[in-house]
Amino acid sequence: TAVDAVVAAHAAGQTVASRKASQIALEAFTAALPELLGGSADLT
């Protein structure tokens, strides 16, 4: 899953904020890891 996420990011080569890059990575990791429990301090 980690390799796929990194390779996909490299292949896409998107120009985005790294906060958005984090969400893109999280889409892959949260789908694969049910133990990931997220949150935000009123700044989702």
ModelCIF file with pLDDT and N, C-alpha, C, O atoms, coordinates in Angstrom:
data_MODEL
#
_entry.id   MODEL 
#
_entity.id                         1 
_entity.type                       polymer 
_entity.pdbx_number_of_molecules   1 
#
_entity_poly.entity_id                      1 
_entity_poly.type                           'polypeptide(L)' 
_entity_poly.nstd_linkage                   no 
_entity_poly.nstd_monomer                   no 
_entity_poly.pdbx_seq_one_letter_code       TAVDAVVAAHAAGQTVASRKASQIALEAFTAALPELLGGSADLT 
_entity_poly.pdbx_seq_one_letter_code_can   TAVDAVVAAHAAGQTVASRKASQIALEAFTAALPELLGGSADLT 
_entity_poly.pdbx_strand_id                 A 
#
loop_
_entity_poly_seq.entity_id 
_entity_poly_seq.num 
_entity_poly_seq.mon_id 
_entity_poly_seq.hetero 
1 1  THR n 
1 2  ALA n 
1 3  VAL n 
1 4  ASP n 
1 5  ALA n 
1 6  VAL n 
1 7  VAL n 
1 8  ALA n 
1 9  ALA n 
1 10 HIS n 
1 11 ALA n 
1 12 ALA n 
1 13 GLY n 
1 14 GLN n 
1 15 THR n 
1 16 VAL n 
1 17 ALA n 
1 18 SER n 
1 19 ARG n 
1 20 LYS n 
1 21 ALA n 
1 22 SER n 
1 23 GLN n 
1 24 ILE n 
1 25 ALA n 
1 26 LEU n 
1 27 GLU n 
1 28 ALA n 
1 29 PHE n 
1 30 THR n 
1 31 ALA n 
1 32 ALA n 
1 33 LEU n 
1 34 PRO n 
1 35 GLU n 
1 36 LEU n 
1 37 LEU n 
1 38 GLY n 
1 39 GLY n 
1 40 SER n 
1 41 ALA n 
1 42 ASP n 
1 43 LEU n 
1 44 THR n 
#
_struct_asym.id          A 
_struct_asym.entity_id   1 
#
loop_
_ma_qa_metric.id 
_ma_qa_metric.mode 
_ma_qa_metric.name 
_ma_qa_metric.software_group_id 
_ma_qa_metric.type 
1 global pLDDT . pLDDT 
2 local  pLDDT . pLDDT 
#
_ma_qa_metric_global.metric_id      1 
_ma_qa_metric_global.metric_value   97.48 
_ma_qa_metric_global.model_id       1 
_ma_qa_metric_global.ordinal_id     1 
#
loop_
_ma_qa_metric_local.label_asym_id 
_ma_qa_metric_local.label_comp_id 
_ma_qa_metric_local.label_seq_id 
_ma_qa_metric_local.metric_id 
_ma_qa_metric_local.metric_value 
_ma_qa_metric_local.model_id 
_ma_qa_metric_local.ordinal_id 
A THR 1  2 97.00 1 1  
A ALA 2  2 98.00 1 2  
A VAL 3  2 98.00 1 3  
A ASP 4  2 97.00 1 4  
A ALA 5  2 98.00 1 5  
A VAL 6  2 98.00 1 6  
A VAL 7  2 97.00 1 7  
A ALA 8  2 97.00 1 8  
A ALA 9  2 98.00 1 9  
A HIS 10 2 97.00 1 10 
A ALA 11 2 97.00 1 11 
A ALA 12 2 97.00 1 12 
A GLY 13 2 96.00 1 13 
A GLN 14 2 97.00 1 14 
A THR 15 2 98.00 1 15 
A VAL 16 2 98.00 1 16 
A ALA 17 2 98.00 1 17 
A SER 18 2 98.00 1 18 
A ARG 19 2 98.00 1 19 
A LYS 20 2 98.00 1 20 
A ALA 21 2 98.00 1 21 
A SER 22 2 98.00 1 22 
A GLN 23 2 98.00 1 23 
A ILE 24 2 98.00 1 24 
A ALA 25 2 98.00 1 25 
A LEU 26 2 98.00 1 26 
A GLU 27 2 97.00 1 27 
A ALA 28 2 97.00 1 28 
A PHE 29 2 98.00 1 29 
A THR 30 2 97.00 1 30 
A ALA 31 2 95.00 1 31 
A ALA 32 2 96.00 1 32 
A LEU 33 2 97.00 1 33 
A PRO 34 2 96.00 1 34 
A GLU 35 2 98.00 1 35 
A LEU 36 2 98.00 1 36 
A LEU 37 2 98.00 1 37 
A GLY 38 2 98.00 1 38 
A GLY 39 2 98.00 1 39 
A SER 40 2 98.00 1 40 
A ALA 41 2 98.00 1 41 
A ASP 42 2 97.00 1 42 
A LEU 43 2 97.00 1 43 
A THR 44 2 98.00 1 44 
#
loop_
_atom_site.group_PDB 
_atom_site.id 
_atom_site.type_symbol 
_atom_site.label_atom_id 
_atom_site.label_alt_id 
_atom_site.label_comp_id 
_atom_site.label_asym_id 
_atom_site.label_entity_id 
_atom_site.label_seq_id 
_atom_site.pdbx_PDB_ins_code 
_atom_site.Cartn_x 
_atom_site.Cartn_y 
_atom_site.Cartn_z 
_atom_site.occupancy 
_atom_site.B_iso_or_equiv 
_atom_site.pdbx_formal_charge 
_atom_site.auth_seq_id 
_atom_site.auth_comp_id 
_atom_site.auth_asym_id 
_atom_site.auth_atom_id 
_atom_site.pdbx_PDB_model_num 
ATOM 1   N N  . THR A 1 1  ? 0.836   -1.207 0.000   1.00 97.00 ? 1  THR A N  1 
ATOM 2   C CA . THR A 1 1  ? 0.000   0.000  0.000   1.00 97.00 ? 1  THR A CA 1 
ATOM 3   C C  . THR A 1 1  ? 0.867   1.251  0.000   1.00 97.00 ? 1  THR A C  1 
ATOM 4   O O  . THR A 1 1  ? 0.597   2.209  -0.724  1.00 97.00 ? 1  THR A O  1 
ATOM 5   N N  . ALA A 1 2  ? 1.920   1.229  0.829   1.00 98.00 ? 2  ALA A N  1 
ATOM 6   C CA . ALA A 1 2  ? 2.820   2.381  0.908   1.00 98.00 ? 2  ALA A CA 1 
ATOM 7   C C  . ALA A 1 2  ? 3.534   2.605  -0.419  1.00 98.00 ? 2  ALA A C  1 
ATOM 8   O O  . ALA A 1 2  ? 3.615   3.733  -0.904  1.00 98.00 ? 2  ALA A O  1 
ATOM 9   N N  . VAL A 1 3  ? 4.045   1.541  -0.997  1.00 98.00 ? 3  VAL A N  1 
ATOM 10  C CA . VAL A 1 3  ? 4.731   1.662  -2.294  1.00 98.00 ? 3  VAL A CA 1 
ATOM 11  C C  . VAL A 1 3  ? 3.783   2.207  -3.351  1.00 98.00 ? 3  VAL A C  1 
ATOM 12  O O  . VAL A 1 3  ? 4.149   3.091  -4.125  1.00 98.00 ? 3  VAL A O  1 
ATOM 13  N N  . ASP A 1 4  ? 2.572   1.681  -3.382  1.00 97.00 ? 4  ASP A N  1 
ATOM 14  C CA . ASP A 1 4  ? 1.594   2.130  -4.372  1.00 97.00 ? 4  ASP A CA 1 
ATOM 15  C C  . ASP A 1 4  ? 1.274   3.608  -4.202  1.00 97.00 ? 4  ASP A C  1 
ATOM 16  O O  . ASP A 1 4  ? 1.148   4.331  -5.190  1.00 97.00 ? 4  ASP A O  1 
ATOM 17  N N  . ALA A 1 5  ? 1.143   4.063  -2.966  1.00 98.00 ? 5  ALA A N  1 
ATOM 18  C CA . ALA A 1 5  ? 0.830   5.463  -2.710  1.00 98.00 ? 5  ALA A CA 1 
ATOM 19  C C  . ALA A 1 5  ? 1.959   6.372  -3.166  1.00 98.00 ? 5  ALA A C  1 
ATOM 20  O O  . ALA A 1 5  ? 1.717   7.425  -3.756  1.00 98.00 ? 5  ALA A O  1 
ATOM 21  N N  . VAL A 1 6  ? 3.202   5.963  -2.889  1.00 98.00 ? 6  VAL A N  1 
ATOM 22  C CA . VAL A 1 6  ? 4.362   6.775  -3.275  1.00 98.00 ? 6  VAL A CA 1 
ATOM 23  C C  . VAL A 1 6  ? 4.518   6.804  -4.791  1.00 98.00 ? 6  VAL A C  1 
ATOM 24  O O  . VAL A 1 6  ? 4.744   7.864  -5.376  1.00 98.00 ? 6  VAL A O  1 
ATOM 25  N N  . VAL A 1 7  ? 4.397   5.644  -5.425  1.00 97.00 ? 7  VAL A N  1 
ATOM 26  C CA . VAL A 1 7  ? 4.544   5.571  -6.882  1.00 97.00 ? 7  VAL A CA 1 
ATOM 27  C C  . VAL A 1 7  ? 3.433   6.358  -7.579  1.00 97.00 ? 7  VAL A C  1 
ATOM 28  O O  . VAL A 1 7  ? 3.680   7.041  -8.573  1.00 97.00 ? 7  VAL A O  1 
ATOM 29  N N  . ALA A 1 8  ? 2.220   6.259  -7.059  1.00 97.00 ? 8  ALA A N  1 
ATOM 30  C CA . ALA A 1 8  ? 1.107   7.000  -7.654  1.00 97.00 ? 8  ALA A CA 1 
ATOM 31  C C  . ALA A 1 8  ? 1.334   8.506  -7.561  1.00 97.00 ? 8  ALA A C  1 
ATOM 32  O O  . ALA A 1 8  ? 1.052   9.248  -8.503  1.00 97.00 ? 8  ALA A O  1 
ATOM 33  N N  . ALA A 1 9  ? 1.846   8.946  -6.417  1.00 98.00 ? 9  ALA A N  1 
ATOM 34  C CA . ALA A 1 9  ? 2.132   10.374 -6.264  1.00 98.00 ? 9  ALA A CA 1 
ATOM 35  C C  . ALA A 1 9  ? 3.209   10.815 -7.246  1.00 98.00 ? 9  ALA A C  1 
ATOM 36  O O  . ALA A 1 9  ? 3.112   11.883 -7.850  1.00 98.00 ? 9  ALA A O  1 
ATOM 37  N N  . HIS A 1 10 ? 4.226   9.993  -7.399  1.00 97.00 ? 10 HIS A N  1 
ATOM 38  C CA . HIS A 1 10 ? 5.316   10.321 -8.320  1.00 97.00 ? 10 HIS A CA 1 
ATOM 39  C C  . HIS A 1 10 ? 4.819   10.362 -9.767  1.00 97.00 ? 10 HIS A C  1 
ATOM 40  O O  . HIS A 1 10 ? 5.188   11.249 -10.536 1.00 97.00 ? 10 HIS A O  1 
ATOM 41  N N  . ALA A 1 11 ? 3.983   9.398  -10.120 1.00 97.00 ? 11 ALA A N  1 
ATOM 42  C CA . ALA A 1 11 ? 3.485   9.331  -11.492 1.00 97.00 ? 11 ALA A CA 1 
ATOM 43  C C  . ALA A 1 11 ? 2.578   10.516 -11.814 1.00 97.00 ? 11 ALA A C  1 
ATOM 44  O O  . ALA A 1 11 ? 2.622   11.055 -12.920 1.00 97.00 ? 11 ALA A O  1 
ATOM 45  N N  . ALA A 1 12 ? 1.760   10.917 -10.849 1.00 97.00 ? 12 ALA A N  1 
ATOM 46  C CA . ALA A 1 12 ? 0.828   12.027 -11.091 1.00 97.00 ? 12 ALA A CA 1 
ATOM 47  C C  . ALA A 1 12 ? 1.547   13.365 -11.135 1.00 97.00 ? 12 ALA A C  1 
ATOM 48  O O  . ALA A 1 12 ? 1.202   14.239 -11.930 1.00 97.00 ? 12 ALA A O  1 
ATOM 49  N N  . GLY A 1 13 ? 2.556   13.524 -10.271 1.00 96.00 ? 13 GLY A N  1 
ATOM 50  C CA . GLY A 1 13 ? 3.341   14.754 -10.263 1.00 96.00 ? 13 GLY A CA 1 
ATOM 51  C C  . GLY A 1 13 ? 2.514   16.012 -10.102 1.00 96.00 ? 13 GLY A C  1 
ATOM 52  O O  . GLY A 1 13 ? 2.748   17.008 -10.786 1.00 96.00 ? 13 GLY A O  1 
ATOM 53  N N  . GLN A 1 14 ? 1.553   15.971 -9.205  1.00 97.00 ? 14 GLN A N  1 
ATOM 54  C CA . GLN A 1 14 ? 0.625   17.092 -9.057  1.00 97.00 ? 14 GLN A CA 1 
ATOM 55  C C  . GLN A 1 14 ? 1.261   18.304 -8.374  1.00 97.00 ? 14 GLN A C  1 
ATOM 56  O O  . GLN A 1 14 ? 2.155   18.174 -7.537  1.00 97.00 ? 14 GLN A O  1 
ATOM 57  N N  . THR A 1 15 ? 0.780   19.462 -8.750  1.00 98.00 ? 15 THR A N  1 
ATOM 58  C CA . THR A 1 15 ? 1.118   20.701 -8.056  1.00 98.00 ? 15 THR A CA 1 
ATOM 59  C C  . THR A 1 15 ? -0.028  21.017 -7.102  1.00 98.00 ? 15 THR A C  1 
ATOM 60  O O  . THR A 1 15 ? -1.061  21.546 -7.512  1.00 98.00 ? 15 THR A O  1 
ATOM 61  N N  . VAL A 1 16 ? 0.159   20.695 -5.856  1.00 98.00 ? 16 VAL A N  1 
ATOM 62  C CA . VAL A 1 16 ? -0.856  20.926 -4.821  1.00 98.00 ? 16 VAL A CA 1 
ATOM 63  C C  . VAL A 1 16 ? -0.145  21.328 -3.536  1.00 98.00 ? 16 VAL A C  1 
ATOM 64  O O  . VAL A 1 16 ? 1.060   21.123 -3.391  1.00 98.00 ? 16 VAL A O  1 
ATOM 65  N N  . ALA A 1 17 ? -0.901  21.901 -2.607  1.00 98.00 ? 17 ALA A N  1 
ATOM 66  C CA . ALA A 1 17 ? -0.352  22.168 -1.279  1.00 98.00 ? 17 ALA A CA 1 
ATOM 67  C C  . ALA A 1 17 ? -0.021  20.842 -0.609  1.00 98.00 ? 17 ALA A C  1 
ATOM 68  O O  . ALA A 1 17 ? -0.682  19.836 -0.864  1.00 98.00 ? 17 ALA A O  1 
ATOM 69  N N  . SER A 1 18 ? 0.999   20.835 0.246   1.00 98.00 ? 18 SER A N  1 
ATOM 70  C CA . SER A 1 18 ? 1.334   19.562 0.888   1.00 98.00 ? 18 SER A CA 1 
ATOM 71  C C  . SER A 1 18 ? 0.243   19.123 1.863   1.00 98.00 ? 18 SER A C  1 
ATOM 72  O O  . SER A 1 18 ? 0.175   17.942 2.205   1.00 98.00 ? 18 SER A O  1 
ATOM 73  N N  . ARG A 1 19 ? -0.612  20.040 2.319   1.00 98.00 ? 19 ARG A N  1 
ATOM 74  C CA . ARG A 1 19 ? -1.760  19.598 3.122   1.00 98.00 ? 19 ARG A CA 1 
ATOM 75  C C  . ARG A 1 19 ? -2.707  18.766 2.259   1.00 98.00 ? 19 ARG A C  1 
ATOM 76  O O  . ARG A 1 19 ? -3.294  17.794 2.736   1.00 98.00 ? 19 ARG A O  1 
ATOM 77  N N  . LYS A 1 20 ? -2.856  19.148 0.983   1.00 98.00 ? 20 LYS A N  1 
ATOM 78  C CA . LYS A 1 20 ? -3.675  18.356 0.064   1.00 98.00 ? 20 LYS A CA 1 
ATOM 79  C C  . LYS A 1 20 ? -2.962  17.056 -0.287  1.00 98.00 ? 20 LYS A C  1 
ATOM 80  O O  . LYS A 1 20 ? -3.599  16.010 -0.415  1.00 98.00 ? 20 LYS A O  1 
ATOM 81  N N  . ALA A 1 21 ? -1.645  17.119 -0.442  1.00 98.00 ? 21 ALA A N  1 
ATOM 82  C CA . ALA A 1 21 ? -0.872  15.901 -0.687  1.00 98.00 ? 21 ALA A CA 1 
ATOM 83  C C  . ALA A 1 21 ? -1.066  14.915 0.466   1.00 98.00 ? 21 ALA A C  1 
ATOM 84  O O  . ALA A 1 21 ? -1.130  13.704 0.254   1.00 98.00 ? 21 ALA A O  1 
ATOM 85  N N  . SER A 1 22 ? -1.159  15.441 1.683   1.00 98.00 ? 22 SER A N  1 
ATOM 86  C CA . SER A 1 22 ? -1.402  14.591 2.853   1.00 98.00 ? 22 SER A CA 1 
ATOM 87  C C  . SER A 1 22 ? -2.755  13.911 2.748   1.00 98.00 ? 22 SER A C  1 
ATOM 88  O O  . SER A 1 22 ? -2.877  12.720 3.036   1.00 98.00 ? 22 SER A O  1 
ATOM 89  N N  . GLN A 1 23 ? -3.763  14.649 2.342   1.00 98.00 ? 23 GLN A N  1 
ATOM 90  C CA . GLN A 1 23 ? -5.092  14.050 2.206   1.00 98.00 ? 23 GLN A CA 1 
ATOM 91  C C  . GLN A 1 23 ? -5.105  12.978 1.112   1.00 98.00 ? 23 GLN A C  1 
ATOM 92  O O  . GLN A 1 23 ? -5.756  11.943 1.256   1.00 98.00 ? 23 GLN A O  1 
ATOM 93  N N  . ILE A 1 24 ? -4.381  13.235 0.018   1.00 98.00 ? 24 ILE A N  1 
ATOM 94  C CA . ILE A 1 24 ? -4.298  12.236 -1.051  1.00 98.00 ? 24 ILE A CA 1 
ATOM 95  C C  . ILE A 1 24 ? -3.678  10.942 -0.520  1.00 98.00 ? 24 ILE A C  1 
ATOM 96  O O  . ILE A 1 24 ? -4.167  9.847  -0.799  1.00 98.00 ? 24 ILE A O  1 
ATOM 97  N N  . ALA A 1 25 ? -2.596  11.083 0.247   1.00 98.00 ? 25 ALA A N  1 
ATOM 98  C CA . ALA A 1 25 ? -1.969  9.904  0.846   1.00 98.00 ? 25 ALA A CA 1 
ATOM 99  C C  . ALA A 1 25 ? -2.916  9.218  1.825   1.00 98.00 ? 25 ALA A C  1 
ATOM 100 O O  . ALA A 1 25 ? -2.996  7.990  1.872   1.00 98.00 ? 25 ALA A O  1 
ATOM 101 N N  . LEU A 1 26 ? -3.628  10.023 2.600   1.00 98.00 ? 26 LEU A N  1 
ATOM 102 C CA . LEU A 1 26 ? -4.549  9.465  3.584   1.00 98.00 ? 26 LEU A CA 1 
ATOM 103 C C  . LEU A 1 26 ? -5.692  8.702  2.932   1.00 98.00 ? 26 LEU A C  1 
ATOM 104 O O  . LEU A 1 26 ? -6.184  7.727  3.500   1.00 98.00 ? 26 LEU A O  1 
ATOM 105 N N  . GLU A 1 27 ? -6.118  9.123  1.763   1.00 97.00 ? 27 GLU A N  1 
ATOM 106 C CA . GLU A 1 27 ? -7.172  8.377  1.074   1.00 97.00 ? 27 GLU A CA 1 
ATOM 107 C C  . GLU A 1 27 ? -6.742  6.924  0.893   1.00 97.00 ? 27 GLU A C  1 
ATOM 108 O O  . GLU A 1 27 ? -7.534  6.004  1.098   1.00 97.00 ? 27 GLU A O  1 
ATOM 109 N N  . ALA A 1 28 ? -5.484  6.727  0.508   1.00 97.00 ? 28 ALA A N  1 
ATOM 110 C CA . ALA A 1 28 ? -4.985  5.367  0.322   1.00 97.00 ? 28 ALA A CA 1 
ATOM 111 C C  . ALA A 1 28 ? -4.813  4.649  1.652   1.00 97.00 ? 28 ALA A C  1 
ATOM 112 O O  . ALA A 1 28 ? -5.211  3.492  1.793   1.00 97.00 ? 28 ALA A O  1 
ATOM 113 N N  . PHE A 1 29 ? -4.226  5.327  2.621   1.00 98.00 ? 29 PHE A N  1 
ATOM 114 C CA . PHE A 1 29 ? -3.906  4.651  3.878   1.00 98.00 ? 29 PHE A CA 1 
ATOM 115 C C  . PHE A 1 29 ? -5.152  4.379  4.726   1.00 98.00 ? 29 PHE A C  1 
ATOM 116 O O  . PHE A 1 29 ? -5.252  3.312  5.333   1.00 98.00 ? 29 PHE A O  1 
ATOM 117 N N  . THR A 1 30 ? -6.093  5.307  4.782   1.00 97.00 ? 30 THR A N  1 
ATOM 118 C CA . THR A 1 30 ? -7.294  5.063  5.599   1.00 97.00 ? 30 THR A CA 1 
ATOM 119 C C  . THR A 1 30 ? -8.168  3.967  5.002   1.00 97.00 ? 30 THR A C  1 
ATOM 120 O O  . THR A 1 30 ? -8.860  3.254  5.729   1.00 97.00 ? 30 THR A O  1 
ATOM 121 N N  . ALA A 1 31 ? -8.137  3.832  3.666   1.00 95.00 ? 31 ALA A N  1 
ATOM 122 C CA . ALA A 1 31 ? -8.896  2.748  3.039   1.00 95.00 ? 31 ALA A CA 1 
ATOM 123 C C  . ALA A 1 31 ? -8.279  1.392  3.356   1.00 95.00 ? 31 ALA A C  1 
ATOM 124 O O  . ALA A 1 31 ? -8.989  0.391  3.452   1.00 95.00 ? 31 ALA A O  1 
ATOM 125 N N  . ALA A 1 32 ? -6.974  1.358  3.517   1.00 96.00 ? 32 ALA A N  1 
ATOM 126 C CA . ALA A 1 32 ? -6.265  0.093  3.737   1.00 96.00 ? 32 ALA A CA 1 
ATOM 127 C C  . ALA A 1 32 ? -6.082  -0.248 5.206   1.00 96.00 ? 32 ALA A C  1 
ATOM 128 O O  . ALA A 1 32 ? -5.923  -1.419 5.550   1.00 96.00 ? 32 ALA A O  1 
ATOM 129 N N  . LEU A 1 33 ? -6.100  0.751  6.077   1.00 97.00 ? 33 LEU A N  1 
ATOM 130 C CA . LEU A 1 33 ? -5.832  0.542  7.502   1.00 97.00 ? 33 LEU A CA 1 
ATOM 131 C C  . LEU A 1 33 ? -7.036  0.993  8.329   1.00 97.00 ? 33 LEU A C  1 
ATOM 132 O O  . LEU A 1 33 ? -7.180  2.185  8.597   1.00 97.00 ? 33 LEU A O  1 
ATOM 133 N N  . PRO A 1 34 ? -7.900  0.067  8.736   1.00 96.00 ? 34 PRO A N  1 
ATOM 134 C CA . PRO A 1 34 ? -9.078  0.454  9.526   1.00 96.00 ? 34 PRO A CA 1 
ATOM 135 C C  . PRO A 1 34 ? -8.730  1.007  10.896  1.00 96.00 ? 34 PRO A C  1 
ATOM 136 O O  . PRO A 1 34 ? -9.575  1.620  11.550  1.00 96.00 ? 34 PRO A O  1 
ATOM 137 N N  . GLU A 1 35 ? -7.492  0.797  11.342  1.00 98.00 ? 35 GLU A N  1 
ATOM 138 C CA . GLU A 1 35 ? -7.098  1.314  12.658  1.00 98.00 ? 35 GLU A CA 1 
ATOM 139 C C  . GLU A 1 35 ? -6.775  2.800  12.643  1.00 98.00 ? 35 GLU A C  1 
ATOM 140 O O  . GLU A 1 35 ? -6.594  3.393  13.707  1.00 98.00 ? 35 GLU A O  1 
ATOM 141 N N  . LEU A 1 36 ? -6.697  3.408  11.485  1.00 98.00 ? 36 LEU A N  1 
ATOM 142 C CA . LEU A 1 36 ? -6.427  4.844  11.442  1.00 98.00 ? 36 LEU A CA 1 
ATOM 143 C C  . LEU A 1 36 ? -7.657  5.603  11.920  1.00 98.00 ? 36 LEU A C  1 
ATOM 144 O O  . LEU A 1 36 ? -8.744  5.462  11.359  1.00 98.00 ? 36 LEU A O  1 
ATOM 145 N N  . LEU A 1 37 ? -7.473  6.409  12.961  1.00 98.00 ? 37 LEU A N  1 
ATOM 146 C CA . LEU A 1 37 ? -8.559  7.177  13.571  1.00 98.00 ? 37 LEU A CA 1 
ATOM 147 C C  . LEU A 1 37 ? -8.160  8.645  13.544  1.00 98.00 ? 37 LEU A C  1 
ATOM 148 O O  . LEU A 1 37 ? -7.284  9.073  14.296  1.00 98.00 ? 37 LEU A O  1 
ATOM 149 N N  . GLY A 1 38 ? -8.804  9.410  12.675  1.00 98.00 ? 38 GLY A N  1 
ATOM 150 C CA . GLY A 1 38 ? -8.376  10.785 12.441  1.00 98.00 ? 38 GLY A CA 1 
ATOM 151 C C  . GLY A 1 38 ? -9.148  11.811 13.239  1.00 98.00 ? 38 GLY A C  1 
ATOM 152 O O  . GLY A 1 38 ? -9.993  11.478 14.070  1.00 98.00 ? 38 GLY A O  1 
ATOM 153 N N  . GLY A 1 39 ? -8.838  13.071 12.968  1.00 98.00 ? 39 GLY A N  1 
ATOM 154 C CA . GLY A 1 39 ? -9.530  14.153 13.643  1.00 98.00 ? 39 GLY A CA 1 
ATOM 155 C C  . GLY A 1 39 ? -8.891  15.486 13.370  1.00 98.00 ? 39 GLY A C  1 
ATOM 156 O O  . GLY A 1 39 ? -7.847  15.576 12.724  1.00 98.00 ? 39 GLY A O  1 
ATOM 157 N N  . SER A 1 40 ? -9.530  16.522 13.870  1.00 98.00 ? 40 SER A N  1 
ATOM 158 C CA . SER A 1 40 ? -9.019  17.879 13.701  1.00 98.00 ? 40 SER A CA 1 
ATOM 159 C C  . SER A 1 40 ? -9.605  18.762 14.786  1.00 98.00 ? 40 SER A C  1 
ATOM 160 O O  . SER A 1 40 ? -10.719 18.539 15.259  1.00 98.00 ? 40 SER A O  1 
ATOM 161 N N  . ALA A 1 41 ? -8.832  19.769 15.170  1.00 98.00 ? 41 ALA A N  1 
ATOM 162 C CA . ALA A 1 41 ? -9.274  20.723 16.195  1.00 98.00 ? 41 ALA A CA 1 
ATOM 163 C C  . ALA A 1 41 ? -10.045 21.867 15.531  1.00 98.00 ? 41 ALA A C  1 
ATOM 164 O O  . ALA A 1 41 ? -9.607  23.018 15.533  1.00 98.00 ? 41 ALA A O  1 
ATOM 165 N N  . ASP A 1 42 ? -11.203 21.519 14.963  1.00 97.00 ? 42 ASP A N  1 
ATOM 166 C CA . ASP A 1 42 ? -12.117 22.478 14.339  1.00 97.00 ? 42 ASP A CA 1 
ATOM 167 C C  . ASP A 1 42 ? -11.529 23.109 13.085  1.00 97.00 ? 42 ASP A C  1 
ATOM 168 O O  . ASP A 1 42 ? -11.857 24.244 12.738  1.00 97.00 ? 42 ASP A O  1 
ATOM 169 N N  . LEU A 1 43 ? -10.655 22.364 12.404  1.00 97.00 ? 43 LEU A N  1 
ATOM 170 C CA . LEU A 1 43 ? -10.009 22.887 11.199  1.00 97.00 ? 43 LEU A CA 1 
ATOM 171 C C  . LEU A 1 43 ? -9.999  21.836 10.087  1.00 97.00 ? 43 LEU A C  1 
ATOM 172 O O  . LEU A 1 43 ? -9.079  21.796 9.270   1.00 97.00 ? 43 LEU A O  1 
ATOM 173 N N  . THR A 1 44 ? -11.018 20.997 10.065  1.00 98.00 ? 44 THR A N  1 
ATOM 174 C CA . THR A 1 44 ? -11.015 19.892 9.109   1.00 98.00 ? 44 THR A CA 1 
ATOM 175 C C  . THR A 1 44 ? -10.849 20.380 7.673   1.00 98.00 ? 44 THR A C  1 
ATOM 176 O O  . THR A 1 44 ? -10.826 19.572 6.744   1.00 98.00 ? 44 THR A O  1 
#
